[in-house]
């Protein structure tokens, strides 16, 4: 006895073919972005400073692709709470890592 589709959450009520198509699109985009990053490094497409920026942009796009196609988190009102929770978690991790690096760098400069 399953629940009627009207009572299922948005993520479970979708058409399975549509969901599979989104997974395939997400997988193709993820592979393409990864291949572009490797190609930029392998063929020295950009100068070293520009290369770091290009890879950072590709990494940010990769995160967006994973959020959209694999975690099914987009800007719809029903998914904003999940997106805010993930962004807050990222902020806390960034503060912890940045604070640790800052303290270790400060200790290193005092000891030398």
Foldseek 3Di string as FASTA:
>chain_A
DDDPLVPDPPVVSDDPVVLVVLLVVLVVLLVVLVVVLVCCVVVVPDDPVVNVVSNVVSVVVNVVSCVCNPVVADPDPVRVVVVVVVVVVVVVVCVVVVVVVVVVVVVVVVVD
